């Protein structure tokens, strides 16, 4: 019974070591998982995500948007109602869904107008950034209906960008190492339990020592 329990504990320890190591390797010391950049383009003035495309609650996501050379780029996150009101009657590309591994489905929204203001002049963005060549925002995903908007800060149409999404998890690297260490400790305990069980030969020898001398030599009592 002790041997079987030791085997179970040892196997659990090995599993924890593997899971912890995979987590630490995946997130790395910077606590980020970063896949390959995702190219997106639009003939309109923006690329935005539909609320359903970000319907994942829990993780914190870091988005880095880049354009060739030093072309200016703006990225902002806002509530869907504000974004839709801002882009009314303007042409843009909408990301309808995002699946893992990174595959996106997009659709084109027709329009002929332009927003009334540049994106950098608005104060309702939850987070936003702009720059020449690249811009980065970090947002915790929640149940709220929000959109990510990527566009030229000067409202010029035609957009070709690369978006690099990253999942940020604080303490993921240290947590993975701690899980691996816990697995090592369990493995040691399991090995000790297995090693403490006597072998078949050892049990046989122990039984022989318990045999009474008078029963071991019954002929000695005759005569």
Protein backbone atom coordinates (compact mmCIF):
# COMPACT_ATOMS: atom_id res chain seq x y z
CA UNK A 1 0.00 0.00 0.00
CA UNK A 2 2.82 2.38 0.88
CA UNK A 3 4.59 1.57 -2.36
CA UNK A 4 1.47 2.34 -4.42
CA UNK A 5 1.04 5.64 -2.59
CA UNK A 6 4.66 6.50 -3.23
CA UNK A 7 4.25 5.84 -6.95
CA UNK A 8 1.23 8.16 -7.09
CA UNK A 9 3.07 10.93 -5.22
CA UNK A 10 6.11 10.53 -7.48
CA UNK A 11 3.99 10.76 -10.63
CA UNK A 12 2.21 13.84 -9.31
CA UNK A 13 5.57 15.44 -8.58
CA UNK A 14 6.81 14.77 -12.11
CA UNK A 15 3.61 16.27 -13.54
CA UNK A 16 4.03 19.45 -11.47
CA UNK A 17 7.65 19.79 -12.58
CA UNK A 18 6.62 19.55 -16.24
CA UNK A 19 3.71 21.99 -15.92
CA UNK A 20 5.77 24.50 -13.96
CA UNK A 21 8.65 24.34 -16.42
CA UNK A 22 6.32 24.80 -19.40
CA UNK A 23 4.69 27.82 -17.76
CA UNK A 24 8.03 29.43 -16.89
CA UNK A 25 9.38 28.85 -20.41
CA UNK A 26 6.21 30.13 -22.09
CA UNK A 27 6.01 33.40 -20.14
CA UNK A 28 9.73 33.97 -19.59
CA UNK A 29 11.26 36.39 -17.06
CA UNK A 30 9.15 39.28 -18.42
CA UNK A 31 5.89 37.37 -17.71
CA UNK A 32 4.69 37.66 -21.31
CA UNK A 33 3.58 35.28 -24.03
CA UNK A 34 4.11 36.97 -27.39
CA UNK A 35 3.10 35.26 -30.67
CA UNK A 36 4.09 36.29 -34.17
CA UNK A 37 2.93 39.71 -35.47
CA UNK A 38 -0.42 39.75 -37.22
CA UNK A 39 -0.68 41.82 -40.44
CA UNK A 40 -3.86 43.87 -40.86
CA UNK A 41 -4.88 46.37 -43.51
CA UNK A 42 -7.77 48.61 -44.48
CA UNK A 43 -8.68 50.78 -47.44
CA UNK A 44 -10.64 52.93 -45.03
CA UNK A 45 -9.36 55.04 -42.18
CA UNK A 46 -9.21 52.44 -39.40
CA UNK A 47 -9.06 48.83 -38.29
CA UNK A 48 -11.24 48.10 -35.27
CA UNK A 49 -12.21 45.00 -33.32
CA UNK A 50 -15.82 44.00 -32.74
CA UNK A 51 -16.76 43.43 -29.07
CA UNK A 52 -17.15 39.69 -29.73
CA UNK A 53 -13.52 39.48 -30.87
CA UNK A 54 -12.35 40.42 -27.36
CA UNK A 55 -14.89 38.37 -25.42
CA UNK A 56 -12.24 36.87 -23.15
CA UNK A 57 -12.38 37.85 -19.50
CA UNK A 58 -9.36 37.68 -17.23
CA UNK A 59 -5.99 38.07 -18.95
CA UNK A 60 -4.16 41.33 -19.49
CA UNK A 61 -3.26 41.93 -23.13
CA UNK A 62 -0.51 44.14 -24.49
CA UNK A 63 -0.94 45.29 -28.10
CA UNK A 64 1.94 46.75 -30.08
CA UNK A 65 1.03 48.20 -33.48
CA UNK A 66 3.75 49.00 -36.00
CA UNK A 67 3.83 50.66 -39.43
CA UNK A 68 6.59 50.59 -41.99
CA UNK A 69 9.24 53.23 -41.58
CA UNK A 70 8.25 56.07 -39.31
CA UNK A 71 4.64 56.41 -40.46
CA UNK A 72 2.43 57.74 -37.65
CA UNK A 73 0.00 55.36 -35.98
CA UNK A 74 -2.65 55.65 -33.28
CA UNK A 75 -4.13 52.84 -31.17
CA UNK A 76 -6.88 53.30 -28.62
CA UNK A 77 -9.36 51.25 -26.62
CA UNK A 78 -12.86 52.59 -26.04
CA UNK A 79 -16.34 51.46 -25.21
CA UNK A 80 -18.16 50.14 -28.26
CA UNK A 81 -20.90 52.77 -28.06
CA UNK A 82 -18.33 55.59 -28.18
CA UNK A 83 -16.34 54.02 -31.01
CA UNK A 84 -19.42 53.39 -33.14
CA UNK A 85 -20.59 56.95 -32.62
CA UNK A 86 -17.15 58.28 -33.54
CA UNK A 87 -16.86 56.23 -36.74
CA UNK A 88 -20.44 56.73 -37.95
CA UNK A 89 -20.59 56.88 -41.78
CA UNK A 90 -16.83 56.31 -42.13
CA UNK A 91 -15.22 53.38 -43.98
CA UNK A 92 -13.16 50.95 -41.90
CA UNK A 93 -12.22 47.29 -41.53
CA UNK A 94 -13.69 45.35 -38.63
CA UNK A 95 -12.08 42.31 -37.00
CA UNK A 96 -15.10 40.11 -36.31
CA UNK A 97 -13.40 37.21 -34.54
CA UNK A 98 -10.01 36.08 -33.27
CA UNK A 99 -9.24 32.40 -32.77
CA UNK A 100 -6.26 30.52 -31.31
CA UNK A 101 -3.81 30.03 -32.97
CA UNK A 102 -4.02 33.58 -34.25
CA UNK A 103 -6.53 33.62 -37.08
CA UNK A 104 -8.82 36.56 -37.73
CA UNK A 105 -11.97 37.09 -39.73
CA UNK A 106 -12.64 40.59 -40.99
CA UNK A 107 -15.38 42.48 -42.79
CA UNK A 108 -15.53 45.84 -44.51
CA UNK A 109 -17.82 48.62 -43.29
CA UNK A 110 -18.77 51.11 -46.00
CA UNK A 111 -18.88 54.84 -45.56
CA UNK A 112 -17.91 58.09 -47.22
CA UNK A 113 -17.32 60.50 -44.38
CA UNK A 114 -14.61 61.29 -41.86
CA UNK A 115 -14.75 61.58 -38.07
CA UNK A 116 -15.27 65.07 -36.73
CA UNK A 117 -12.04 65.03 -34.70
CA UNK A 118 -8.65 63.40 -34.69
CA UNK A 119 -8.43 60.42 -32.34
CA UNK A 120 -5.78 62.06 -30.18
CA UNK A 121 -8.14 64.95 -29.40
CA UNK A 122 -10.76 62.72 -27.74
CA UNK A 123 -10.91 62.19 -23.99
CA UNK A 124 -13.08 59.06 -23.76
CA UNK A 125 -10.41 56.51 -24.63
CA UNK A 126 -9.82 54.01 -21.84
CA UNK A 127 -6.19 53.72 -22.93
CA UNK A 128 -4.45 55.08 -26.00
CA UNK A 129 -1.04 55.70 -27.51
CA UNK A 130 0.40 57.16 -30.69
CA UNK A 131 3.80 57.50 -32.24
CA UNK A 132 5.89 57.29 -35.35
CA UNK A 133 6.39 53.71 -36.42
CA UNK A 134 4.76 52.08 -33.39
CA UNK A 135 2.31 52.49 -30.52
CA UNK A 136 1.51 50.21 -27.56
CA UNK A 137 -1.44 49.85 -25.18
CA UNK A 138 -2.08 47.46 -22.30
CA UNK A 139 -5.59 46.48 -21.27
CA UNK A 140 -7.14 43.92 -18.93
CA UNK A 141 -9.87 42.03 -20.76
CA UNK A 142 -13.26 42.15 -19.10
CA UNK A 143 -16.93 41.53 -19.86
CA UNK A 144 -17.40 45.14 -21.00
CA UNK A 145 -18.08 45.76 -24.70
CA UNK A 146 -14.89 47.49 -25.84
CA UNK A 147 -13.20 48.00 -29.21
CA UNK A 148 -9.56 48.39 -30.16
CA UNK A 149 -9.13 51.10 -32.79
CA UNK A 150 -6.04 51.40 -34.99
CA UNK A 151 -5.85 54.34 -37.37
CA UNK A 152 -3.75 57.11 -38.78
CA UNK A 153 -3.73 59.94 -36.21
CA UNK A 154 -4.32 62.45 -39.04
CA UNK A 155 -7.32 60.53 -40.46
CA UNK A 156 -5.57 59.60 -43.70
CA UNK A 157 -7.13 56.55 -45.42
CA UNK A 158 -5.24 53.41 -46.30
CA UNK A 159 -3.69 51.48 -43.44
CA UNK A 160 -1.17 48.64 -43.35
CA UNK A 161 -0.05 47.62 -39.89
CA UNK A 162 1.35 44.71 -37.93
CA UNK A 163 -0.23 43.95 -34.57
CA UNK A 164 1.69 41.97 -31.98
CA UNK A 165 -0.57 40.79 -29.14
CA UNK A 166 0.95 39.61 -25.90
CA UNK A 167 -0.63 38.02 -22.84
CA UNK A 168 0.77 39.48 -19.62
CA UNK A 169 0.48 37.52 -16.37
CA UNK A 170 2.16 38.97 -13.31
CA UNK A 171 4.27 36.46 -11.43
CA UNK A 172 3.81 33.74 -14.07
CA UNK A 173 7.54 33.04 -14.38
CA UNK A 174 8.17 32.83 -10.63
CA UNK A 175 4.95 30.86 -10.20
CA UNK A 176 6.11 28.32 -12.76
CA UNK A 177 9.44 27.90 -11.01
CA UNK A 178 7.70 27.52 -7.65
CA UNK A 179 5.40 24.86 -9.11
CA UNK A 180 8.40 22.96 -10.43
CA UNK A 181 10.13 23.11 -7.03
CA UNK A 182 6.97 21.82 -5.36
CA UNK A 183 6.97 18.98 -7.87
CA UNK A 184 10.59 18.14 -7.03
CA UNK A 185 9.71 18.05 -3.33
CA UNK A 186 6.77 15.73 -3.99
CA UNK A 187 8.98 13.54 -6.14
CA UNK A 188 11.49 13.18 -3.30
CA UNK A 189 8.71 12.25 -0.87
CA UNK A 190 7.34 9.70 -3.32
CA UNK A 191 10.77 8.16 -3.86
CA UNK A 192 11.32 7.92 -0.11
CA UNK A 193 7.98 6.14 0.32
CA UNK A 194 8.86 3.67 -2.42
CA UNK A 195 12.36 3.07 -1.05
CA UNK A 196 11.11 2.50 2.50
CA UNK A 197 9.12 -0.59 1.48
CA UNK A 198 11.18 -3.79 2.10
CA UNK A 199 11.89 -5.96 -0.91
CA UNK A 200 10.51 -9.49 -1.18
CA UNK A 201 13.82 -11.02 -0.04
CA UNK A 202 13.98 -8.66 2.91
CA UNK A 203 10.50 -9.63 4.07
CA UNK A 204 11.35 -13.32 3.74
CA UNK A 205 14.49 -12.88 5.87
CA UNK A 206 12.52 -10.98 8.49
CA UNK A 207 9.97 -13.79 8.73
CA UNK A 208 12.74 -16.33 9.16
CA UNK A 209 14.11 -14.40 12.13
CA UNK A 210 10.71 -14.51 13.81
CA UNK A 211 10.53 -18.34 13.71
CA UNK A 212 10.88 -19.84 17.20
CA UNK A 213 14.05 -21.91 17.71
CA UNK A 214 12.16 -24.94 19.01
CA UNK A 215 10.04 -24.98 15.85
CA UNK A 216 13.01 -24.46 13.64
CA UNK A 217 14.63 -27.69 15.08
CA UNK A 218 11.80 -29.98 16.17
CA UNK A 219 14.06 -33.06 16.35
CA UNK A 220 16.10 -31.54 19.17
CA UNK A 221 13.31 -32.32 21.64
CA UNK A 222 13.27 -36.07 20.91
CA UNK A 223 15.11 -38.34 23.24
